[in-house]
Structure formats: C-alpha cells, structure tokens
Amino acid sequence: MPMNTDVLLFDAEVQVRFGPVCHRFPRTALGVMRAVEYVMTFGKPITFWSDARQLAGISAFLAEAEVFS
C-alpha cells in the first residue's frame, strides 16, 4: 500500500509530510509554490489539508492558500 504525501496549510507555514519526513515552507507566494513543486516530485498519492479539513485537490488548496507577504 503506497504511503500518502500530506500537504498541510497552517496560519504561517505550509508543511509537506511523507512518513517521518516533514519539510516546512513559509506561507508566502514563493513558499506555497516551492511546497507544491516539492510535493509533485514524489509521484505518490497527495492529500491536501487546511486546518482539519481535507481539500478536494491542488486547485482547492491553491484557492485556500491566501498568502502573506
């Protein structure tokens, strides 16, 4: 069974988690772009989250990710 990659949207950061690995990116336009680019390199199933809500996909994640400068 393949392990999912989780992308979690928090107030000040975006986290990418794959098993025990966790990478953090600032919640800025560049940070969100870097997180999405990074997660796409895994080639594994991806689950997007905002707070405790699972999002429908990358489009919903990007729409939800209002960025702070």
C-alpha atoms as a PDB file:
ATOM      1  CA  MET A   1       0.000   0.000   0.000  1.00  0.00           C
ATOM      2  CA  PRO A   2       1.572   3.319  -1.052  1.00  0.00           C
ATOM      3  CA  MET A   3       2.146   5.951   1.593  1.00  0.00           C
ATOM      4  CA  ASN A   4       0.357   9.251   1.029  1.00  0.00           C
ATOM      5  CA  THR A   5       2.093  12.588   0.984  1.00  0.00           C
ATOM      6  CA  ASP A   6       0.215  15.155   3.061  1.00  0.00           C
ATOM      7  CA  VAL A   7       0.326  18.885   2.367  1.00  0.00           C
ATOM      8  CA  LEU A   8      -0.927  20.858   5.360  1.00  0.00           C
ATOM      9  CA  LEU A   9      -1.844  24.531   5.292  1.00  0.00           C
ATOM     10  CA  PHE A  10      -1.292  26.395   8.573  1.00  0.00           C
ATOM     11  CA  ASP A  11      -1.529  30.079   9.503  1.00  0.00           C
ATOM     12  CA  ALA A  12       2.153  30.835   8.971  1.00  0.00           C
ATOM     13  CA  GLU A  13       3.504  27.866   7.034  1.00  0.00           C
ATOM     14  CA  VAL A  14       2.890  25.006   4.636  1.00  0.00           C
ATOM     15  CA  GLN A  15       4.109  21.566   5.690  1.00  0.00           C
ATOM     16  CA  VAL A  16       4.832  18.638   3.387  1.00  0.00           C
ATOM     17  CA  ARG A  17       4.855  15.307   5.225  1.00  0.00           C
ATOM     18  CA  PHE A  18       5.840  11.941   3.826  1.00  0.00           C
ATOM     19  CA  GLY A  19       6.169   9.330   6.554  1.00  0.00           C
ATOM     20  CA  PRO A  20       8.685  10.640   9.103  1.00  0.00           C
ATOM     21  CA  VAL A  21       9.916  13.380   6.751  1.00  0.00           C
ATOM     22  CA  CYS A  22       8.499  16.873   7.265  1.00  0.00           C
ATOM     23  CA  HIS A  23       9.530  19.933   5.250  1.00  0.00           C
ATOM     24  CA  ARG A  24       8.267  23.394   6.153  1.00  0.00           C
ATOM     25  CA  PHE A  25       7.771  26.331   3.803  1.00  0.00           C
ATOM     26  CA  PRO A  26       6.659  29.874   4.711  1.00  0.00           C
ATOM     27  CA  ARG A  27       3.095  30.777   3.776  1.00  0.00           C
ATOM     28  CA  THR A  28       4.169  33.273   1.159  1.00  0.00           C
ATOM     29  CA  ALA A  29       3.595  33.113  -2.595  1.00  0.00           C
ATOM     30  CA  LEU A  30       7.112  31.706  -3.098  1.00  0.00           C
ATOM     31  CA  GLY A  31       6.765  29.295  -0.163  1.00  0.00           C
ATOM     32  CA  VAL A  32       3.472  27.877  -1.478  1.00  0.00           C
ATOM     33  CA  MET A  33       4.963  27.489  -4.976  1.00  0.00           C
ATOM     34  CA  ARG A  34       8.038  25.731  -3.568  1.00  0.00           C
ATOM     35  CA  ALA A  35       5.900  23.385  -1.441  1.00  0.00           C
ATOM     36  CA  VAL A  36       3.719  22.409  -4.410  1.00  0.00           C
ATOM     37  CA  GLU A  37       6.760  21.912  -6.656  1.00  0.00           C
ATOM     38  CA  TYR A  38       8.436  19.799  -3.962  1.00  0.00           C
ATOM     39  CA  VAL A  39       5.408  17.567  -3.370  1.00  0.00           C
ATOM     40  CA  MET A  40       4.935  16.950  -7.094  1.00  0.00           C
ATOM     41  CA  THR A  41       8.397  15.336  -7.271  1.00  0.00           C
ATOM     42  CA  PHE A  42       7.304  12.429  -5.027  1.00  0.00           C
ATOM     43  CA  GLY A  43       4.950  10.816  -7.534  1.00  0.00           C
ATOM     44  CA  LYS A  44       2.878   9.424  -4.649  1.00  0.00           C
ATOM     45  CA  PRO A  45      -0.782   9.983  -3.782  1.00  0.00           C
ATOM     46  CA  ILE A  46      -1.140  13.514  -2.366  1.00  0.00           C
ATOM     47  CA  THR A  47      -3.700  14.660   0.196  1.00  0.00           C
ATOM     48  CA  PHE A  48      -4.206  18.400   0.742  1.00  0.00           C
ATOM     49  CA  TRP A  49      -5.395  19.753   4.113  1.00  0.00           C
ATOM     50  CA  SER A  50      -6.436  23.096   5.549  1.00  0.00           C
ATOM     51  CA  ASP A  51      -6.860  23.006   9.306  1.00  0.00           C
ATOM     52  CA  ALA A  52      -8.551  19.638   9.862  1.00  0.00           C
ATOM     53  CA  ARG A  53     -10.425  19.692   6.533  1.00  0.00           C
ATOM     54  CA  GLN A  54      -9.340  17.553   3.619  1.00  0.00           C
ATOM     55  CA  LEU A  55      -9.389  19.560   0.393  1.00  0.00           C
ATOM     56  CA  ALA A  56     -10.558  18.258  -2.988  1.00  0.00           C
ATOM     57  CA  GLY A  57      -7.174  18.661  -4.672  1.00  0.00           C
ATOM     58  CA  ILE A  58      -4.451  21.062  -5.692  1.00  0.00           C
ATOM     59  CA  SER A  59      -6.891  23.623  -7.123  1.00  0.00           C
ATOM     60  CA  ALA A  60      -8.807  23.807  -3.834  1.00  0.00           C
ATOM     61  CA  PHE A  61      -5.506  24.021  -1.942  1.00  0.00           C
ATOM     62  CA  LEU A  62      -4.257  26.934  -4.053  1.00  0.00           C
ATOM     63  CA  ALA A  63      -7.598  28.730  -3.744  1.00  0.00           C
ATOM     64  CA  GLU A  64      -7.480  28.288   0.046  1.00  0.00           C
ATOM     65  CA  ALA A  65      -3.828  29.380   0.359  1.00  0.00           C
ATOM     66  CA  GLU A  66      -4.175  33.129   0.701  1.00  0.00           C
ATOM     67  CA  VAL A  67      -0.579  34.171   1.092  1.00  0.00           C
ATOM     68  CA  PHE A  68       1.004  36.705   3.385  1.00  0.00           C
ATOM     69  CA  SER A  69       3.857  38.928   2.284  1.00  0.00           C
END
